[in-house]
C-alpha atoms as a PDB file:
ATOM      1  CA  MET A   1      43.179 -43.722 -41.785  1.00  0.00           C
ATOM      2  CA  ASP A   2      41.607 -41.450 -39.174  1.00  0.00           C
ATOM      3  CA  ARG A   3      44.190 -38.745 -39.943  1.00  0.00           C
ATOM      4  CA  TRP A   4      42.681 -38.362 -43.401  1.00  0.00           C
ATOM      5  CA  HIS A   5      39.065 -37.751 -42.283  1.00  0.00           C
ATOM      6  CA  TYR A   6      39.006 -33.962 -42.631  1.00  0.00           C
ATOM      7  CA  LEU A   7      40.866 -33.984 -45.948  1.00  0.00           C
ATOM      8  CA  LEU A   8      38.706 -36.817 -47.314  1.00  0.00           C
ATOM      9  CA  ALA A   9      35.547 -34.903 -46.362  1.00  0.00           C
ATOM     10  CA  LEU A  10      36.820 -31.906 -48.338  1.00  0.00           C
ATOM     11  CA  LEU A  11      37.688 -34.101 -51.311  1.00  0.00           C
ATOM     12  CA  ALA A  12      34.221 -35.680 -51.168  1.00  0.00           C
ATOM     13  CA  CYS A  13      32.673 -32.200 -51.293  1.00  0.00           C
ATOM     14  CA  LEU A  14      34.754 -31.304 -54.343  1.00  0.00           C
ATOM     15  CA  ALA A  15      34.082 -34.626 -56.063  1.00  0.00           C
ATOM     16  CA  SER A  16      30.330 -34.472 -55.489  1.00  0.00           C
ATOM     17  CA  THR A  17      30.025 -30.944 -56.869  1.00  0.00           C
ATOM     18  CA  ALA A  18      32.583 -31.220 -59.706  1.00  0.00           C
ATOM     19  CA  PRO A  19      30.002 -32.423 -62.262  1.00  0.00           C
ATOM     20  CA  LEU A  20      28.061 -29.202 -61.661  1.00  0.00           C
ATOM     21  CA  GLU A  21      30.831 -27.389 -63.563  1.00  0.00           C
ATOM     22  CA  PHE A  22      29.270 -28.708 -66.762  1.00  0.00           C
ATOM     23  CA  LEU A  23      25.747 -27.482 -65.925  1.00  0.00           C
ATOM     24  CA  GLY A  24      26.600 -23.858 -65.382  1.00  0.00           C
ATOM     25  CA  ALA A  25      28.617 -21.123 -66.987  1.00  0.00           C
ATOM     26  CA  GLY A  26      31.802 -22.605 -65.596  1.00  0.00           C
ATOM     27  CA  VAL A  27      33.220 -21.781 -62.209  1.00  0.00           C
ATOM     28  CA  TYR A  28      36.636 -23.365 -62.732  1.00  0.00           C
ATOM     29  CA  ARG A  29      36.818 -22.025 -66.287  1.00  0.00           C
ATOM     30  CA  ARG A  30      36.786 -18.441 -64.975  1.00  0.00           C
ATOM     31  CA  PRO A  31      39.621 -18.418 -62.428  1.00  0.00           C
ATOM     32  CA  ARG A  32      39.757 -14.628 -62.043  1.00  0.00           C
ATOM     33  CA  LEU A  33      36.070 -14.477 -61.149  1.00  0.00           C
ATOM     34  CA  LEU A  34      36.456 -17.494 -58.869  1.00  0.00           C
ATOM     35  CA  LEU A  35      39.357 -15.888 -57.047  1.00  0.00           C
ATOM     36  CA  GLY A  36      37.420 -12.622 -56.792  1.00  0.00           C
ATOM     37  CA  ALA A  37      34.509 -14.472 -55.221  1.00  0.00           C
ATOM     38  CA  LEU A  38      36.672 -16.503 -52.851  1.00  0.00           C
ATOM     39  CA  TRP A  39      39.230 -14.173 -51.382  1.00  0.00           C
ATOM     40  CA  PRO A  40      37.040 -11.738 -49.381  1.00  0.00           C
ATOM     41  CA  ALA A  41      35.177 -14.424 -47.449  1.00  0.00           C
ATOM     42  CA  ALA A  42      38.222 -16.677 -47.141  1.00  0.00           C
ATOM     43  CA  ALA A  43      40.363 -13.838 -45.807  1.00  0.00           C
ATOM     44  CA  LEU A  44      37.738 -12.822 -43.258  1.00  0.00           C
ATOM     45  CA  PHE A  45      37.111 -16.341 -41.983  1.00  0.00           C
ATOM     46  CA  ILE A  46      40.784 -17.315 -41.927  1.00  0.00           C
ATOM     47  CA  VAL A  47      41.537 -14.292 -39.737  1.00  0.00           C
ATOM     48  CA  TRP A  48      38.537 -15.126 -37.543  1.00  0.00           C
ATOM     49  CA  ASP A  49      39.726 -18.736 -37.266  1.00  0.00           C
ATOM     50  CA  LEU A  50      43.284 -17.684 -36.386  1.00  0.00           C
ATOM     51  CA  VAL A  51      41.969 -15.399 -33.637  1.00  0.00           C
ATOM     52  CA  ALA A  52      39.776 -18.189 -32.248  1.00  0.00           C
ATOM     53  CA  ILE A  53      42.663 -20.676 -32.328  1.00  0.00           C
ATOM     54  CA  ALA A  54      44.991 -18.210 -30.585  1.00  0.00           C
ATOM     55  CA  ALA A  55      42.363 -17.469 -27.933  1.00  0.00           C
ATOM     56  CA  GLY A  56      41.800 -21.161 -27.306  1.00  0.00           C
ATOM     57  CA  VAL A  57      38.159 -20.911 -28.350  1.00  0.00           C
ATOM     58  CA  TRP A  58      38.546 -24.009 -30.488  1.00  0.00           C
ATOM     59  CA  GLY A  59      41.107 -26.513 -31.555  1.00  0.00           C
ATOM     60  CA  PHE A  60      41.447 -29.603 -33.688  1.00  0.00           C
ATOM     61  CA  ASP A  61      41.577 -33.260 -32.808  1.00  0.00           C
ATOM     62  CA  ASP A  62      44.971 -34.526 -33.931  1.00  0.00           C
ATOM     63  CA  ARG A  63      43.427 -37.910 -34.752  1.00  0.00           C
ATOM     64  CA  TYR A  64      41.557 -36.423 -37.743  1.00  0.00           C
ATOM     65  CA  ILE A  65      44.115 -34.125 -39.331  1.00  0.00           C
ATOM     66  CA  LEU A  66      47.389 -34.791 -41.119  1.00  0.00           C
ATOM     67  CA  GLY A  67      49.436 -32.719 -38.690  1.00  0.00           C
ATOM     68  CA  VAL A  68      50.545 -30.092 -41.213  1.00  0.00           C
ATOM     69  CA  PHE A  69      50.122 -26.692 -39.580  1.00  0.00           C
ATOM     70  CA  LEU A  70      50.262 -23.267 -41.156  1.00  0.00           C
ATOM     71  CA  PRO A  71      51.347 -20.150 -39.275  1.00  0.00           C
ATOM     72  CA  GLY A  72      49.027 -19.479 -36.352  1.00  0.00           C
ATOM     73  CA  ALA A  73      48.637 -23.208 -35.639  1.00  0.00           C
ATOM     74  CA  MET A  74      45.981 -23.567 -38.328  1.00  0.00           C
ATOM     75  CA  PRO A  75      45.827 -27.085 -39.763  1.00  0.00           C
ATOM     76  CA  LEU A  76      46.197 -27.314 -43.527  1.00  0.00           C
ATOM     77  CA  GLU A  77      42.753 -28.899 -43.769  1.00  0.00           C
ATOM     78  CA  GLU A  78      41.159 -25.950 -41.968  1.00  0.00           C
ATOM     79  CA  PHE A  79      42.718 -23.531 -44.455  1.00  0.00           C
ATOM     80  CA  LEU A  80      41.517 -25.682 -47.349  1.00  0.00           C
ATOM     81  CA  PHE A  81      38.020 -25.700 -45.838  1.00  0.00           C
ATOM     82  CA  PHE A  82      37.772 -21.957 -46.474  1.00  0.00           C
ATOM     83  CA  LEU A  83      38.500 -22.561 -50.154  1.00  0.00           C
ATOM     84  CA  VAL A  84      36.658 -25.823 -50.792  1.00  0.00           C
ATOM     85  CA  VAL A  85      33.310 -25.017 -49.186  1.00  0.00           C
ATOM     86  CA  PRO A  86      32.823 -21.708 -51.025  1.00  0.00           C
ATOM     87  CA  ILE A  87      33.853 -23.340 -54.315  1.00  0.00           C
ATOM     88  CA  CYS A  88      31.288 -26.091 -53.776  1.00  0.00           C
ATOM     89  CA  ALA A  89      28.639 -23.531 -52.848  1.00  0.00           C
ATOM     90  CA  LEU A  90      29.440 -21.444 -55.914  1.00  0.00           C
ATOM     91  CA  LEU A  91      29.278 -24.492 -58.190  1.00  0.00           C
ATOM     92  CA  THR A  92      25.888 -25.372 -56.719  1.00  0.00           C
ATOM     93  CA  PHE A  93      24.573 -21.820 -57.026  1.00  0.00           C
ATOM     94  CA  VAL A  94      25.650 -21.450 -60.663  1.00  0.00           C
ATOM     95  CA  ALA A  95      24.219 -24.866 -61.574  1.00  0.00           C
ATOM     96  CA  VAL A  96      20.864 -24.106 -59.930  1.00  0.00           C
ATOM     97  CA  GLN A  97      20.787 -20.683 -61.582  1.00  0.00           C
ATOM     98  CA  THR A  98      21.442 -22.301 -64.972  1.00  0.00           C
ATOM     99  CA  LEU A  99      18.801 -24.996 -64.473  1.00  0.00           C
ATOM    100  CA  LEU A 100      16.219 -22.426 -63.409  1.00  0.00           C
ATOM    101  CA  ALA A 101      16.991 -20.293 -66.469  1.00  0.00           C
ATOM    102  CA  ARG A 102      16.587 -23.357 -68.708  1.00  0.00           C
ATOM    103  CA  TRP A 103      13.290 -24.196 -66.986  1.00  0.00           C
ATOM    104  CA  HIS A 104      11.969 -20.670 -67.474  1.00  0.00           C
ATOM    105  CA  ARG A 105      12.955 -20.709 -71.160  1.00  0.00           C
ATOM    106  CA  LEU A 106      11.209 -24.045 -71.596  1.00  0.00           C
ATOM    107  CA  VAL A 107       8.054 -22.794 -69.902  1.00  0.00           C
ATOM    108  CA  ASP A 108       8.127 -19.619 -72.019  1.00  0.00           C
ATOM    109  CA  ASN A 109       8.593 -21.637 -75.209  1.00  0.00           C
ATOM    110  CA  VAL A 110       5.724 -23.966 -74.325  1.00  0.00           C
ATOM    111  CA  GLY A 111       3.533 -20.953 -73.530  1.00  0.00           C
ATOM    112  CA  ASN A 112       4.455 -19.265 -76.810  1.00  0.00           C
ATOM    113  CA  ALA A 113       3.813 -22.454 -78.770  1.00  0.00           C
ATOM    114  CA  ALA A 114       0.380 -22.742 -77.149  1.00  0.00           C
ATOM    115  CA  GLY A 115      -0.490 -19.271 -78.425  1.00  0.00           C
ATOM    116  CA  ARG A 116      -0.255 -17.294 -75.234  1.00  0.00           C
END
């Protein structure tokens, strides 16, 4: 079961933020925008990670990964990290932005109803 730790942590992140899709304007429902938001940061950090792996700056404990490696000795889970974490952050950002907009509309409506 230890081998699944990293992947399960990523799945937990996705599962815990998935309901936020319904609060905002839809992150998953706009795949072109999602891809446009993901690829610059993912590309930069994947290259950075590959350089650090090659230089021996960091590595991965084989007990906590599946053992599937991409070119450059990057574990599959590490690659997925650079997709999952930004998706979760984007879902959170869009949901908070939507909730704040709803709050401001509510406050404005209450103020208008009170005769301000």
